[in-house]
Protein backbone atom coordinates (compact mmCIF):
# COMPACT_ATOMS: atom_id res chain seq x y z
CA MET A 1 -3.18 -33.71 -5.29
CA SER A 2 -2.50 -34.91 -1.75
CA ASN A 3 -0.54 -32.98 0.85
CA SER A 4 2.49 -35.25 0.40
CA GLN A 5 2.60 -34.45 -3.33
CA LYS A 6 2.60 -30.67 -2.89
CA ALA A 7 5.75 -28.71 -3.46
CA GLU A 8 7.71 -27.76 -0.34
CA GLY A 9 6.83 -24.06 -0.63
CA ALA A 10 3.17 -24.58 -1.55
CA PHE A 11 0.40 -23.03 0.51
CA ARG A 12 -1.61 -25.42 2.70
CA THR A 13 -5.29 -25.35 3.57
CA ILE A 14 -6.38 -25.36 7.19
CA GLY A 15 -7.35 -29.03 6.84
CA GLU A 16 -3.91 -29.94 5.52
CA VAL A 17 -2.20 -28.05 8.34
CA ALA A 18 -4.49 -29.72 10.87
CA SER A 19 -3.65 -33.16 9.47
CA ALA A 20 0.07 -32.47 9.33
CA THR A 21 0.36 -31.00 12.83
CA GLY A 22 -2.42 -32.71 14.75
CA VAL A 23 -3.87 -29.32 15.74
CA ALA A 24 -7.63 -29.14 15.15
CA PRO A 25 -8.90 -26.48 12.72
CA HIS A 26 -10.90 -24.72 15.45
CA VAL A 27 -7.72 -24.47 17.55
CA LEU A 28 -5.82 -23.03 14.58
CA ARG A 29 -8.55 -20.39 14.15
CA TYR A 30 -8.38 -19.62 17.89
CA TRP A 31 -4.58 -19.27 17.73
CA GLU A 32 -4.98 -16.73 14.93
CA THR A 33 -6.92 -14.55 17.39
CA ARG A 34 -4.26 -14.92 20.10
CA PHE A 35 -1.01 -14.76 18.12
CA PRO A 36 -0.79 -11.83 15.69
CA GLN A 37 2.28 -13.44 14.11
CA LEU A 38 0.04 -16.24 12.78
CA ARG A 39 -1.71 -14.68 9.80
CA PRO A 40 -2.44 -17.09 6.96
CA VAL A 41 -3.41 -15.65 3.59
CA THR A 42 -7.18 -15.47 3.21
CA ARG A 43 -8.89 -15.74 -0.15
CA ALA A 44 -12.46 -15.71 -1.42
CA GLY A 45 -14.94 -17.07 1.07
CA ASN A 46 -12.47 -16.50 3.94
CA ARG A 47 -10.51 -19.63 3.00
CA ARG A 48 -7.20 -19.77 4.82
CA TYR A 49 -3.95 -20.69 3.11
CA TYR A 50 -0.93 -21.28 5.30
CA ARG A 51 2.55 -20.47 4.01
CA PRO A 52 5.46 -22.73 5.04
CA ALA A 53 6.48 -20.13 7.66
CA ASP A 54 2.93 -20.22 9.08
CA VAL A 55 3.08 -24.01 9.35
CA ALA A 56 6.46 -23.77 11.12
CA LEU A 57 4.96 -21.23 13.54
CA VAL A 58 2.00 -23.53 14.24
CA GLN A 59 4.44 -26.35 15.01
CA ARG A 60 6.44 -24.08 17.29
CA ILE A 61 3.36 -22.83 19.16
CA GLN A 62 2.19 -26.43 19.53
CA ARG A 63 5.57 -27.44 20.96
CA LEU A 64 5.71 -24.48 23.35
CA LEU A 65 2.17 -25.05 24.64
CA GLY A 66 2.07 -28.83 24.62
CA THR A 67 5.60 -29.99 25.36
CA GLU A 68 7.40 -27.14 27.06
CA GLY A 69 4.57 -26.11 29.35
CA TYR A 70 4.17 -22.49 28.26
CA THR A 71 0.83 -20.76 28.73
CA VAL A 72 -0.86 -18.89 25.89
CA LYS A 73 0.17 -15.64 27.57
CA GLY A 74 3.77 -16.90 27.89
CA VAL A 75 3.94 -17.79 24.20
CA GLN A 76 2.43 -14.39 23.33
CA LYS A 77 5.17 -12.65 25.32
CA LEU A 78 7.90 -14.80 23.78
CA LEU A 79 6.73 -14.21 20.22
CA ALA A 80 6.16 -10.49 20.85
CA SER A 81 9.68 -10.07 22.23
CA GLU A 82 11.12 -11.77 19.15
CA THR A 83 8.98 -9.66 16.81
CA ARG A 84 10.21 -6.46 18.44
CA GLY A 85 13.77 -7.64 17.90
CA GLY A 86 14.38 -7.64 21.61
CA SER A 87 15.62 -10.43 23.74
CA ALA A 88 13.77 -13.68 23.20
CA VAL A 89 13.87 -14.46 26.92
CA SER A 90 10.43 -14.85 28.42
CA ALA A 91 9.53 -13.98 31.98
CA GLU A 92 8.93 -17.67 32.68
CA ALA A 93 12.44 -18.65 31.56
CA THR A 94 14.91 -16.37 33.28
CA ALA A 95 16.77 -19.00 35.29
CA ALA A 96 20.50 -19.30 34.68
CA ALA A 97 22.62 -22.28 33.66
CA PRO A 98 26.40 -22.51 34.11
CA THR A 99 28.54 -23.14 31.04
CA PRO A 100 31.81 -25.07 30.93
CA ALA A 101 33.67 -21.75 30.77
CA GLY A 102 32.04 -20.72 34.06
CA LYS A 103 29.88 -18.04 32.46
CA THR A 104 26.16 -17.87 33.16
CA VAL A 105 23.64 -18.12 30.34
CA SER A 106 19.89 -17.76 30.89
CA ILE A 107 17.74 -20.78 30.18
CA GLY A 108 15.45 -18.51 28.17
CA ALA A 109 18.31 -17.53 25.87
CA LEU A 110 19.19 -21.19 25.33
CA LEU A 111 15.54 -22.04 24.62
CA ALA A 112 15.32 -19.18 22.14
CA ILE A 113 18.43 -20.39 20.33
CA ARG A 114 17.05 -23.91 20.23
CA ASP A 115 13.70 -22.64 18.87
CA HIS A 116 15.43 -20.58 16.18
CA LEU A 117 17.44 -23.63 15.12
CA GLN A 118 14.30 -25.78 15.08
CA ASP A 119 12.48 -23.17 12.97
CA ALA A 120 15.40 -23.13 10.54
CA LEU A 121 15.30 -26.92 10.27
CA ASN A 122 11.52 -26.87 9.77
CA ALA A 123 11.87 -24.27 7.01
CA TYR A 124 14.56 -26.34 5.30
């Protein structure tokens, strides 16, 4: 059964995740050592199976590192702050943006909102 024929909530192998996201398997294994939030299920023979939430996290990490210019350390801080339930504003994104109402909103807060919306869309 090919990846496109799998059910939406089905687990994916590391090869399927690599094909779907364009992130090489060795990079995925490296990210597992750097981001404690990325923990695929492991089965016999240390085979990794990624849940849909894991795949969404891989896509988010890829976007943060590749498109938005975050460093590994910056993404670690961002994800850690979200895991703790604290503010999702990273140290790199504390600049402020004016709103039409004249209030100031941090760029980090806006990025966090955007990322949460993107994650919700990816999970859908």
